[in-house]
Amino acid sequence: MRLELFGYILEIKKKDEAEPEQQELSERGAQAKRDRSKEKIDEALKEIKEKQLKYSEYRVQKISGLSINTIKKYREYIEAERAKDKGLFG
Protein backbone atom coordinates (compact mmCIF):
# COMPACT_ATOMS: atom_id res chain seq x y z
CA MET A 1 0.00 0.00 0.00
CA ARG A 2 1.31 3.41 -0.90
CA LEU A 3 0.43 6.37 1.30
CA GLU A 4 1.34 10.02 0.98
CA LEU A 5 1.40 11.89 4.27
CA PHE A 6 2.69 15.43 4.83
CA GLY A 7 4.64 15.28 1.61
CA TYR A 8 6.26 11.94 2.46
CA ILE A 9 5.52 8.78 0.53
CA LEU A 10 5.20 5.70 2.72
CA GLU A 11 5.29 2.18 1.30
CA ILE A 12 3.52 -0.26 3.63
CA LYS A 13 3.83 -3.96 2.90
CA LYS A 14 1.35 -6.49 4.19
CA LYS A 15 2.61 -9.69 5.75
CA ASP A 16 1.91 -11.59 2.51
CA GLU A 17 3.99 -9.08 0.55
CA ALA A 18 6.96 -9.13 2.93
CA GLU A 19 10.22 -10.60 1.77
CA PRO A 20 10.53 -14.32 2.63
CA GLU A 21 13.74 -13.61 4.53
CA GLN A 22 12.00 -10.94 6.61
CA GLN A 23 9.08 -13.27 7.34
CA GLU A 24 11.40 -16.04 8.49
CA LEU A 25 13.30 -13.70 10.78
CA SER A 26 10.05 -12.38 12.21
CA GLU A 27 8.72 -15.89 12.85
CA ARG A 28 12.00 -17.00 14.46
CA GLY A 29 11.96 -13.96 16.71
CA ALA A 30 8.38 -14.59 17.76
CA GLN A 31 9.17 -18.25 18.48
CA ALA A 32 12.19 -17.27 20.57
CA LYS A 33 10.00 -14.91 22.59
CA ARG A 34 7.41 -17.66 23.18
CA ASP A 35 10.16 -20.08 24.25
CA ARG A 36 11.59 -17.55 26.69
CA SER A 37 8.14 -16.89 28.16
CA LYS A 38 7.66 -20.63 28.73
CA GLU A 39 11.09 -20.85 30.38
CA LYS A 40 10.19 -18.01 32.75
CA ILE A 41 6.87 -19.66 33.59
CA ASP A 42 8.63 -22.99 34.25
CA GLU A 43 11.12 -21.27 36.55
CA ALA A 44 8.30 -19.54 38.43
CA LEU A 45 6.35 -22.81 38.85
CA LYS A 46 9.50 -24.54 40.08
CA GLU A 47 10.09 -21.77 42.64
CA ILE A 48 6.48 -21.97 43.84
CA LYS A 49 6.85 -25.75 44.22
CA GLU A 50 10.18 -25.51 46.06
CA LYS A 51 8.93 -22.87 48.49
CA GLN A 52 5.61 -24.71 48.87
CA LEU A 53 3.66 -21.56 48.12
CA LYS A 54 0.02 -21.52 47.11
CA TYR A 55 -0.42 -21.25 43.35
CA SER A 56 -2.01 -18.19 41.76
CA GLU A 57 -1.65 -16.54 38.38
CA TYR A 58 -0.68 -13.33 40.16
CA ARG A 59 2.18 -15.13 41.97
CA VAL A 60 3.44 -16.65 38.71
CA GLN A 61 3.30 -13.19 37.15
CA LYS A 62 5.29 -11.58 39.97
CA ILE A 63 7.94 -14.31 40.11
CA SER A 64 8.39 -14.62 36.34
CA GLY A 65 8.27 -10.90 35.59
CA LEU A 66 5.87 -11.47 32.70
CA SER A 67 2.69 -9.47 32.24
CA ILE A 68 -0.57 -10.87 33.58
CA ASN A 69 -1.87 -10.97 29.99
CA THR A 70 1.02 -13.25 29.02
CA ILE A 71 0.24 -15.49 31.99
CA LYS A 72 -3.40 -15.68 30.88
CA LYS A 73 -2.28 -16.46 27.32
CA TYR A 74 -0.31 -19.47 28.64
CA ARG A 75 -3.04 -20.59 31.08
CA GLU A 76 -3.48 -23.98 29.36
CA TYR A 77 0.28 -24.58 29.35
CA ILE A 78 0.49 -23.68 33.05
CA GLU A 79 -2.40 -25.98 33.93
CA ALA A 80 -0.75 -28.83 32.00
CA GLU A 81 2.52 -28.28 33.88
CA ARG A 82 0.67 -28.15 37.20
CA ALA A 83 -1.16 -31.38 36.35
CA LYS A 84 2.21 -33.12 36.02
CA ASP A 85 2.94 -32.21 39.65
CA LYS A 86 -0.61 -32.83 40.89
CA GLY A 87 -0.82 -32.58 44.64
CA LEU A 88 2.26 -30.39 45.03
CA PHE A 89 0.34 -27.15 44.47
CA GLY A 90 -2.32 -25.75 46.75
PDB file of N, CA and C in Angstrom:
ATOM      1  N   MET A   1       0.850  -1.162   0.000  1.00  0.00           N
ATOM      2  CA  MET A   1       0.000   0.000   0.000  1.00  0.00           C
ATOM      3  C   MET A   1       0.900   1.231   0.000  1.00  0.00           C
ATOM      4  N   ARG A   2       0.535   2.183  -0.781  1.00  0.00           N
ATOM      5  CA  ARG A   2       1.313   3.410  -0.900  1.00  0.00           C
ATOM      6  C   ARG A   2       0.491   4.536  -0.279  1.00  0.00           C
ATOM      7  N   LEU A   3       1.122   5.320   0.571  1.00  0.00           N
ATOM      8  CA  LEU A   3       0.426   6.372   1.298  1.00  0.00           C
ATOM      9  C   LEU A   3       1.267   7.640   1.280  1.00  0.00           C
ATOM     10  N   GLU A   4       0.637   8.741   0.949  1.00  0.00           N
ATOM     11  CA  GLU A   4       1.339  10.024   0.976  1.00  0.00           C
ATOM     12  C   GLU A   4       0.823  10.798   2.182  1.00  0.00           C
ATOM     13  N   LEU A   5       1.752  11.222   3.031  1.00  0.00           N
ATOM     14  CA  LEU A   5       1.395  11.894   4.267  1.00  0.00           C
ATOM     15  C   LEU A   5       2.372  13.026   4.517  1.00  0.00           C
ATOM     16  N   PHE A   6       1.872  14.236   4.590  1.00  0.00           N
ATOM     17  CA  PHE A   6       2.686  15.431   4.833  1.00  0.00           C
ATOM     18  C   PHE A   6       3.864  15.538   3.853  1.00  0.00           C
ATOM     19  N   GLY A   7       3.600  15.177   2.617  1.00  0.00           N
ATOM     20  CA  GLY A   7       4.639  15.282   1.609  1.00  0.00           C
ATOM     21  C   GLY A   7       5.584  14.095   1.556  1.00  0.00           C
ATOM     22  N   TYR A   8       5.433  13.142   2.454  1.00  0.00           N
ATOM     23  CA  TYR A   8       6.258  11.936   2.459  1.00  0.00           C
ATOM     24  C   TYR A   8       5.478  10.796   1.820  1.00  0.00           C
ATOM     25  N   ILE A   9       6.157   9.949   1.116  1.00  0.00           N
ATOM     26  CA  ILE A   9       5.518   8.777   0.531  1.00  0.00           C
ATOM     27  C   ILE A   9       5.941   7.562   1.347  1.00  0.00           C
ATOM     28  N   LEU A  10       4.945   6.879   1.894  1.00  0.00           N
ATOM     29  CA  LEU A  10       5.199   5.699   2.715  1.00  0.00           C
ATOM     30  C   LEU A  10       4.761   4.460   1.953  1.00  0.00           C
ATOM     31  N   GLU A  11       5.599   3.454   1.940  1.00  0.00           N
ATOM     32  CA  GLU A  11       5.290   2.183   1.304  1.00  0.00           C
ATOM     33  C   GLU A  11       5.079   1.164   2.420  1.00  0.00           C
ATOM     34  N   ILE A  12       3.856   0.685   2.574  1.00  0.00           N
ATOM     35  CA  ILE A  12       3.521  -0.260   3.631  1.00  0.00           C
ATOM     36  C   ILE A  12       3.246  -1.610   2.997  1.00  0.00           C
ATOM     37  N   LYS A  13       3.997  -2.612   3.435  1.00  0.00           N
ATOM     38  CA  LYS A  13       3.827  -3.957   2.896  1.00  0.00           C
ATOM     39  C   LYS A  13       3.025  -4.786   3.884  1.00  0.00           C
ATOM     40  N   LYS A  14       2.101  -5.561   3.365  1.00  0.00           N
ATOM     41  CA  LYS A  14       1.353  -6.491   4.187  1.00  0.00           C
ATOM     42  C   LYS A  14       2.228  -7.704   4.444  1.00  0.00           C
ATOM     43  N   LYS A  15       1.819  -8.526   5.396  1.00  0.00           N
ATOM     44  CA  LYS A  15       2.615  -9.694   5.750  1.00  0.00           C
ATOM     45  C   LYS A  15       2.835 -10.594   4.529  1.00  0.00           C
ATOM     46  N   ASP A  16       1.804 -10.741   3.704  1.00  0.00           N
ATOM     47  CA  ASP A  16       1.913 -11.589   2.512  1.00  0.00           C
ATOM     48  C   ASP A  16       2.937 -11.049   1.522  1.00  0.00           C
ATOM     49  N   GLU A  17       3.099  -9.722   1.504  1.00  0.00           N
ATOM     50  CA  GLU A  17       3.991  -9.082   0.551  1.00  0.00           C
ATOM     51  C   GLU A  17       5.421  -8.959   1.074  1.00  0.00           C
ATOM     52  N   ALA A  18       5.621  -9.274   2.330  1.00  0.00           N
ATOM     53  CA  ALA A  18       6.956  -9.129   2.928  1.00  0.00           C
ATOM     54  C   ALA A  18       7.933 -10.116   2.289  1.00  0.00           C
ATOM     55  N   GLU A  19       9.178  -9.746   2.334  1.00  0.00           N
ATOM     56  CA  GLU A  19      10.223 -10.600   1.774  1.00  0.00           C
ATOM     57  C   GLU A  19      10.257 -11.912   2.568  1.00  0.00           C
ATOM     58  N   PRO A  20      10.476 -13.035   1.917  1.00  0.00           N
ATOM     59  CA  PRO A  20      10.525 -14.322   2.626  1.00  0.00           C
ATOM     60  C   PRO A  20      11.562 -14.332   3.756  1.00  0.00           C
ATOM     61  N   GLU A  21      12.698 -13.687   3.509  1.00  0.00           N
ATOM     62  CA  GLU A  21      13.742 -13.613   4.532  1.00  0.00           C
ATOM     63  C   GLU A  21      13.235 -12.870   5.764  1.00  0.00           C
ATOM     64  N   GLN A  22      12.549 -11.760   5.526  1.00  0.00           N
ATOM     65  CA  GLN A  22      11.997 -10.940   6.609  1.00  0.00           C
ATOM     66  C   GLN A  22      10.959 -11.724   7.402  1.00  0.00           C
ATOM     67  N   GLN A  23      10.102 -12.465   6.669  1.00  0.00           N
ATOM     68  CA  GLN A  23       9.080 -13.267   7.336  1.00  0.00           C
ATOM     69  C   GLN A  23       9.714 -14.326   8.223  1.00  0.00           C
ATOM     70  N   GLU A  24      10.735 -14.991   7.714  1.00  0.00           N
ATOM     71  CA  GLU A  24      11.399 -16.044   8.486  1.00  0.00           C
ATOM     72  C   GLU A  24      12.036 -15.476   9.749  1.00  0.00           C
ATOM     73  N   LEU A  25      12.689 -14.330   9.614  1.00  0.00           N
ATOM     74  CA  LEU A  25      13.297 -13.695  10.784  1.00  0.00           C
ATOM     75  C   LEU A  25      12.245 -13.301  11.805  1.00  0.00           C
ATOM     76  N   SER A  26      11.142 -12.788  11.323  1.00  0.00           N
ATOM     77  CA  SER A  26      10.054 -12.379  12.210  1.00  0.00           C
ATOM     78  C   SER A  26       9.478 -13.586  12.954  1.00  0.00           C
ATOM     79  N   GLU A  27       9.262 -14.671  12.235  1.00  0.00           N
ATOM     80  CA  GLU A  27       8.716 -15.887  12.848  1.00  0.00           C
ATOM     81  C   GLU A  27       9.696 -16.486  13.857  1.00  0.00           C
ATOM     82  N   ARG A  28      10.983 -16.480  13.522  1.00  0.00           N
ATOM     83  CA  ARG A  28      11.995 -17.004  14.459  1.00  0.00           C
ATOM     84  C   ARG A  28      12.064 -16.157  15.716  1.00  0.00           C
ATOM     85  N   GLY A  29      11.952 -14.846  15.560  1.00  0.00           N
ATOM     86  CA  GLY A  29      11.964 -13.957  16.713  1.00  0.00           C
ATOM     87  C   GLY A  29      10.759 -14.176  17.606  1.00  0.00           C
ATOM     88  N   ALA A  30       9.602 -14.347  16.994  1.00  0.00           N
ATOM     89  CA  ALA A  30       8.378 -14.595  17.757  1.00  0.00           C
ATOM     90  C   ALA A  30       8.469 -15.930  18.500  1.00  0.00           C
ATOM     91  N   GLN A  31       9.021 -16.941  17.832  1.00  0.00           N
ATOM     92  CA  GLN A  31       9.173 -18.253  18.476  1.00  0.00           C
ATOM     93  C   GLN A  31      10.148 -18.173  19.647  1.00  0.00           C
ATOM     94  N   ALA A  32      11.222 -17.432  19.485  1.00  0.00           N
ATOM     95  CA  ALA A  32      12.192 -17.268  20.569  1.00  0.00           C
ATOM     96  C   ALA A  32      11.542 -16.585  21.767  1.00  0.00           C
ATOM     97  N   LYS A  33      10.696 -15.607  21.505  1.00  0.00           N
ATOM     98  CA  LYS A  33      10.000 -14.908  22.590  1.00  0.00           C
ATOM     99  C   LYS A  33       9.035 -15.851  23.318  1.00  0.00           C
ATOM    100  N   ARG A  34       8.313 -16.687  22.556  1.00  0.00           N
ATOM    101  CA  ARG A  34       7.407 -17.661  23.184  1.00  0.00           C
ATOM    102  C   ARG A  34       8.187 -18.661  24.029  1.00  0.00           C
ATOM    103  N   ASP A  35       9.325 -19.128  23.500  1.00  0.00           N
ATOM    104  CA  ASP A  35      10.156 -20.081  24.246  1.00  0.00           C
ATOM    105  C   ASP A  35      10.656 -19.469  25.547  1.00  0.00           C
ATOM    106  N   ARG A  36      11.087 -18.220  25.491  1.00  0.00           N
ATOM    107  CA  ARG A  36      11.594 -17.549  26.692  1.00  0.00           C
ATOM    108  C   ARG A  36      10.476 -17.355  27.717  1.00  0.00           C
ATOM    109  N   SER A  37       9.274 -17.041  27.250  1.00  0.00           N
ATOM    110  CA  SER A  37       8.136 -16.894  28.162  1.00  0.00           C
ATOM    111  C   SER A  37       7.859 -18.214  28.871  1.00  0.00           C
ATOM    112  N   LYS A  38       7.896 -19.314  28.122  1.00  0.00           N
ATOM    113  CA  LYS A  38       7.659 -20.626  28.734  1.00  0.00           C
ATOM    114  C   LYS A  38       8.745 -20.961  29.748  1.00  0.00           C
ATOM    115  N   GLU A  39       9.994 -20.607  29.431  1.00  0.00           N
ATOM    116  CA  GLU A  39      11.092 -20.846  30.378  1.00  0.00           C
ATOM    117  C   GLU A  39      10.857 -20.072  31.673  1.00  0.00           C
ATOM    118  N   LYS A  40      10.453 -18.824  31.559  1.00  0.00           N
ATOM    119  CA  LYS A  40      10.195 -18.008  32.749  1.00  0.00           C
ATOM    120  C   LYS A  40       9.042 -18.579  33.566  1.00  0.00           C
ATOM    121  N   ILE A  41       8.012 -19.053  32.884  1.00  0.00           N
ATOM    122  CA  ILE A  41       6.875 -19.663  33.587  1.00  0.00           C
ATOM    123  C   ILE A  41       7.324 -20.930  34.300  1.00  0.00           C
ATOM    124  N   ASP A  42       8.116 -21.761  33.624  1.00  0.00           N
ATOM    125  CA  ASP A  42       8.631 -22.990  34.246  1.00  0.00           C
ATOM    126  C   ASP A  42       9.455 -22.681  35.491  1.00  0.00           C
ATOM    127  N   GLU A  43      10.301 -21.669  35.398  1.00  0.00           N
ATOM    128  CA  GLU A  43      11.117 -21.273  36.549  1.00  0.00           C
ATOM    129  C   GLU A  43      10.240 -20.804  37.702  1.00  0.00           C
ATOM    130  N   ALA A  44       9.196 -20.035  37.386  1.00  0.00           N
ATOM    131  CA  ALA A  44       8.295 -19.544  38.430  1.00  0.00           C
ATOM    132  C   ALA A  44       7.549 -20.701  39.092  1.00  0.00           C
ATOM    133  N   LEU A  45       7.058 -21.647  38.291  1.00  0.00           N
ATOM    134  CA  LEU A  45       6.348 -22.806  38.853  1.00  0.00           C
ATOM    135  C   LEU A  45       7.282 -23.643  39.726  1.00  0.00           C
ATOM    136  N   LYS A  46       8.522 -23.777  39.292  1.00  0.00           N
ATOM    137  CA  LYS A  46       9.502 -24.537  40.078  1.00  0.00           C
ATOM    138  C   LYS A  46       9.746 -23.846  41.426  1.00  0.00           C
ATOM    139  N   GLU A  47       9.871 -22.517  41.397  1.00  0.00           N
ATOM    140  CA  GLU A  47      10.089 -21.775  42.643  1.00  0.00           C
ATOM    141  C   GLU A  47       8.887 -21.897  43.571  1.00  0.00           C
ATOM    142  N   ILE A  48       7.688 -21.828  43.029  1.00  0.00           N
ATOM    143  CA  ILE A  48       6.476 -21.975  43.840  1.00  0.00           C
ATOM    144  C   ILE A  48       6.454 -23.364  44.484  1.00  0.00           C
ATOM    145  N   LYS A  49       6.824 -24.371  43.712  1.00  0.00           N
ATOM    146  CA  LYS A  49       6.849 -25.748  44.219  1.00  0.00           C
ATOM    147  C   LYS A  49       7.894 -25.904  45.316  1.00  0.00           C
ATOM    148  N   GLU A  50       9.102 -25.368  45.083  1.00  0.00           N
ATOM    149  CA  GLU A  50      10.183 -25.506  46.063  1.00  0.00           C
ATOM    150  C   GLU A  50       9.859 -24.805  47.373  1.00  0.00           C
ATOM    151  N   LYS A  51       9.259 -23.641  47.284  1.00  0.00           N
ATOM    152  CA  LYS A  51       8.935 -22.872  48.491  1.00  0.00           C
ATOM    153  C   LYS A  51       7.588 -23.270  49.088  1.00  0.00           C
ATOM    154  N   GLN A  52       6.912 -24.218  48.438  1.00  0.00           N
ATOM    155  CA  GLN A  52       5.610 -24.712  48.871  1.00  0.00           C
ATOM    156  C   GLN A  52       4.611 -23.567  49.069  1.00  0.00           C
ATOM    157  N   LEU A  53       4.590 -22.681  48.086  1.00  0.00           N
ATOM    158  CA  LEU A  53       3.658 -21.563  48.115  1.00  0.00           C
ATOM    159  C   LEU A  53       2.353 -21.970  47.441  1.00  0.00           C
ATOM    160  N   LYS A  54       1.293 -21.263  47.767  1.00  0.00           N
ATOM    161  CA  LYS A  54       0.019 -21.525  47.115  1.00  0.00           C
ATOM    162  C   LYS A  54       0.066 -20.932  45.713  1.00  0.00           C
ATOM    163  N   TYR A  55      -0.438 -21.689  44.751  1.00  0.00           N
ATOM    164  CA  TYR A  55      -0.417 -21.247  43.354  1.00  0.00           C
ATOM    165  C   TYR A  55      -1.458 -20.154  43.100  1.00  0.00           C
ATOM    166  N   SER A  56      -1.066 -19.155  42.335  1.00  0.00           N
ATOM    167  CA  SER A  56      -2.007 -18.186  41.764  1.00  0.00           C
ATOM    168  C   SER A  56      -1.357 -17.590  40.527  1.00  0.00           C
ATOM    169  N   GLU A  57      -2.183 -17.160  39.595  1.00  0.00           N
ATOM    170  CA  GLU A  57      -1.647 -16.539  38.381  1.00  0.00           C
ATOM    171  C   GLU A  57      -0.862 -15.282  38.740  1.00  0.00           C
ATOM    172  N   TYR A  58      -1.349 -14.557  39.730  1.00  0.00           N
ATOM    173  CA  TYR A  58      -0.675 -13.332  40.162  1.00  0.00           C
ATOM    174  C   TYR A  58       0.738 -13.654  40.668  1.00  0.00           C
ATOM    175  N   ARG A  59       0.872 -14.743  41.439  1.00  0.00           N
ATOM    176  CA  ARG A  59       2.182 -15.129  41.968  1.00  0.00           C
ATOM    177  C   ARG A  59       3.129 -15.527  40.837  1.00  0.00           C
ATOM    178  N   VAL A  60       2.621 -16.273  39.863  1.00  0.00           N
ATOM    179  CA  VAL A  60       3.440 -16.652  38.707  1.00  0.00           C
ATOM    180  C   VAL A  60       3.892 -15.392  37.975  1.00  0.00           C
ATOM    181  N   GLN A  61       2.987 -14.437  37.843  1.00  0.00           N
ATOM    182  CA  GLN A  61       3.305 -13.186  37.154  1.00  0.00           C
ATOM    183  C   GLN A  61       4.406 -12.428  37.883  1.00  0.00           C
ATOM    184  N   LYS A  62       4.300 -12.323  39.184  1.00  0.00           N
ATOM    185  CA  LYS A  62       5.291 -11.580  39.972  1.00  0.00           C
ATOM    186  C   LYS A  62       6.660 -12.266  39.951  1.00  0.00           C
ATOM    187  N   ILE A  63       6.673 -13.577  40.082  1.00  0.00           N
ATOM    188  CA  ILE A  63       7.944 -14.308  40.113  1.00  0.00           C
ATOM    189  C   ILE A  63       8.612 -14.313  38.740  1.00  0.00           C
ATOM    190  N   SER A  64       7.820 -14.510  37.696  1.00  0.00           N
ATOM    191  CA  SER A  64       8.388 -14.620  36.345  1.00  0.00           C
ATOM    192  C   SER A  64       8.742 -13.267  35.742  1.00  0.00           C
ATOM    193  N   GLY A  65       8.038 -12.216  36.162  1.00  0.00           N
ATOM    194  CA  GLY A  65       8.275 -10.899  35.587  1.00  0.00           C
ATOM    195  C   GLY A  65       7.526 -10.673  34.289  1.00  0.00           C
ATOM    196  N   LEU A  66       6.671 -11.620  33.911  1.00  0.00           N
ATOM    197  CA  LEU A  66       5.867 -11.473  32.703  1.00  0.00           C
ATOM    198  C   LEU A  66       4.595 -10.700  33.023  1.00  0.00           C
ATOM    199  N   SER A  67       3.941 -10.198  32.012  1.00  0.00           N
ATOM    200  CA  SER A  67       2.688  -9.472  32.239  1.00  0.00           C
ATOM    201  C   SER A  67       1.572 -10.472  32.556  1.00  0.00           C
ATOM    202  N   ILE A  68       0.548  -9.999  33.232  1.00  0.00           N
ATOM    203  CA  ILE A  68      -0.573 -10.869  33.579  1.00  0.00           C
ATOM    204  C   ILE A  68      -1.273 -11.356  32.315  1.00  0.00           C
ATOM    205  N   ASN A  69      -1.269 -10.544  31.260  1.00  0.00           N
ATOM    206  CA  ASN A  69      -1.874 -10.971  29.994  1.00  0.00           C
ATOM    207  C   ASN A  69      -1.097 -12.132  29.376  1.00  0.00           C
ATOM    208  N   THR A  70       0.217 -12.129  29.522  1.00  0.00           N
ATOM    209  CA  THR A  70       1.024 -13.247  29.023  1.00  0.00           C
ATOM    210  C   THR A  70       0.717 -14.501  29.833  1.00  0.00           C
ATOM    211  N   ILE A  71       0.575 -14.349  31.134  1.00  0.00           N
ATOM    212  CA  ILE A  71       0.238 -15.490  31.991  1.00  0.00           C
ATOM    213  C   ILE A  71      -1.112 -16.066  31.574  1.00  0.00           C
ATOM    214  N   LYS A  72      -2.078 -15.208  31.310  1.00  0.00           N
ATOM    215  CA  LYS A  72      -3.396 -15.681  30.883  1.00  0.00           C
ATOM    216  C   LYS A  72      -3.320 -16.362  29.524  1.00  0.00           C
ATOM    217  N   LYS A  73      -2.458 -15.874  28.649  1.00  0.00           N
ATOM    218  CA  LYS A  73      -2.282 -16.464  27.325  1.00  0.00           C
ATOM    219  C   LYS A  73      -1.767 -17.897  27.447  1.00  0.00           C
ATOM    220  N   TYR A  74      -0.910 -18.136  28.442  1.00  0.00           N
ATOM    221  CA  TYR A  74      -0.312 -19.465  28.643  1.00  0.00           C
ATOM    222  C   TYR A  74      -1.038 -20.264  29.721  1.00  0.00           C
ATOM    223  N   ARG A  75      -2.270 -19.929  30.015  1.00  0.00           N
ATOM    224  CA  ARG A  75      -3.037 -20.593  31.079  1.00  0.00           C
ATOM    225  C   ARG A  75      -3.101 -22.105  30.862  1.00  0.00           C
ATOM    226  N   GLU A  76      -3.394 -22.540  29.636  1.00  0.00           N
ATOM    227  CA  GLU A  76      -3.480 -23.977  29.360  1.00  0.00           C
ATOM    228  C   GLU A  76      -2.134 -24.665  29.580  1.00  0.00           C
ATOM    229  N   TYR A  77      -1.067 -24.027  29.153  1.00  0.00           N
ATOM    230  CA  TYR A  77       0.280 -24.578  29.350  1.00  0.00           C
ATOM    231  C   TYR A  77       0.577 -24.706  30.845  1.00  0.00           C
ATOM    232  N   ILE A  78       0.248 -23.680  31.609  1.00  0.00           N
ATOM    233  CA  ILE A  78       0.493 -23.684  33.049  1.00  0.00           C
ATOM    234  C   ILE A  78      -0.296 -24.800  33.722  1.00  0.00           C
ATOM    235  N   GLU A  79      -1.573 -24.929  33.335  1.00  0.00           N
ATOM    236  CA  GLU A  79      -2.404 -25.975  33.929  1.00  0.00           C
ATOM    237  C   GLU A  79      -1.854 -27.363  33.597  1.00  0.00           C
ATOM    238  N   ALA A  80      -1.341 -27.536  32.390  1.00  0.00           N
ATOM    239  CA  ALA A  80      -0.750 -28.832  32.003  1.00  0.00           C
ATOM    240  C   ALA A  80       0.493 -29.116  32.842  1.00  0.00           C
ATOM    241  N   GLU A  81       1.321 -28.104  33.062  1.00  0.00           N
ATOM    242  CA  GLU A  81       2.523 -28.279  33.882  1.00  0.00           C
ATOM    243  C   GLU A  81       2.145 -28.582  35.329  1.00  0.00           C
ATOM    244  N   ARG A  82       1.117 -27.899  35.824  1.00  0.00           N
ATOM    245  CA  ARG A  82       0.674 -28.146  37.199  1.00  0.00           C
ATOM    246  C   ARG A  82       0.108 -29.552  37.334  1.00  0.00           C
ATOM    247  N   ALA A  83      -0.575 -30.046  36.309  1.00  0.00           N
ATOM    248  CA  ALA A  83      -1.164 -31.379  36.347  1.00  0.00           C
ATOM    249  C   ALA A  83      -0.072 -32.452  36.475  1.00  0.00           C
ATOM    250  N   LYS A  84       1.100 -32.174  35.899  1.00  0.00           N
ATOM    251  CA  LYS A  84       2.208 -33.124  36.015  1.00  0.00           C
ATOM    252  C   LYS A  84       2.637 -33.270  37.478  1.00  0.00           C
ATOM    253  N   ASP A  85       2.540 -32.214  38.232  1.00  0.00           N
ATOM    254  CA  ASP A  85       2.938 -32.206  39.645  1.00  0.00           C
ATOM    255  C   ASP A  85       1.698 -32.193  40.545  1.00  0.00           C
ATOM    256  N   LYS A  86       0.652 -32.844  40.139  1.00  0.00           N
ATOM    257  CA  LYS A  86      -0.611 -32.826  40.890  1.00  0.00           C
ATOM    258  C   LYS A  86      -0.364 -33.146  42.363  1.00  0.00           C
ATOM    259  N   GLY A  87      -0.952 -32.355  43.216  1.00  0.00           N
ATOM    260  CA  GLY A  87      -0.818 -32.581  44.641  1.00  0.00           C
ATOM    261  C   GLY A  87       0.286 -31.741  45.271  1.00  0.00           C
ATOM    262  N   LEU A  88       1.178 -31.181  44.475  1.00  0.00           N
ATOM    263  CA  LEU A  88       2.259 -30.389  45.032  1.00  0.00           C
ATOM    264  C   LEU A  88       1.883 -28.910  45.120  1.00  0.00           C
ATOM    265  N   PHE A  89       0.806 -28.536  44.433  1.00  0.00           N
ATOM    266  CA  PHE A  89       0.345 -27.154  44.475  1.00  0.00           C
ATOM    267  C   PHE A  89      -0.928 -27.084  45.295  1.00  0.00           C
ATOM    268  N   GLY A  90      -1.098 -25.927  45.953  1.00  0.00           N
ATOM    269  CA  GLY A  90      -2.319 -25.745  46.750  1.00  0.00           C
ATOM    270  C   GLY A  90      -3.476 -25.314  45.915  1.00  0.00           C
TER     271      GLY A  90
END
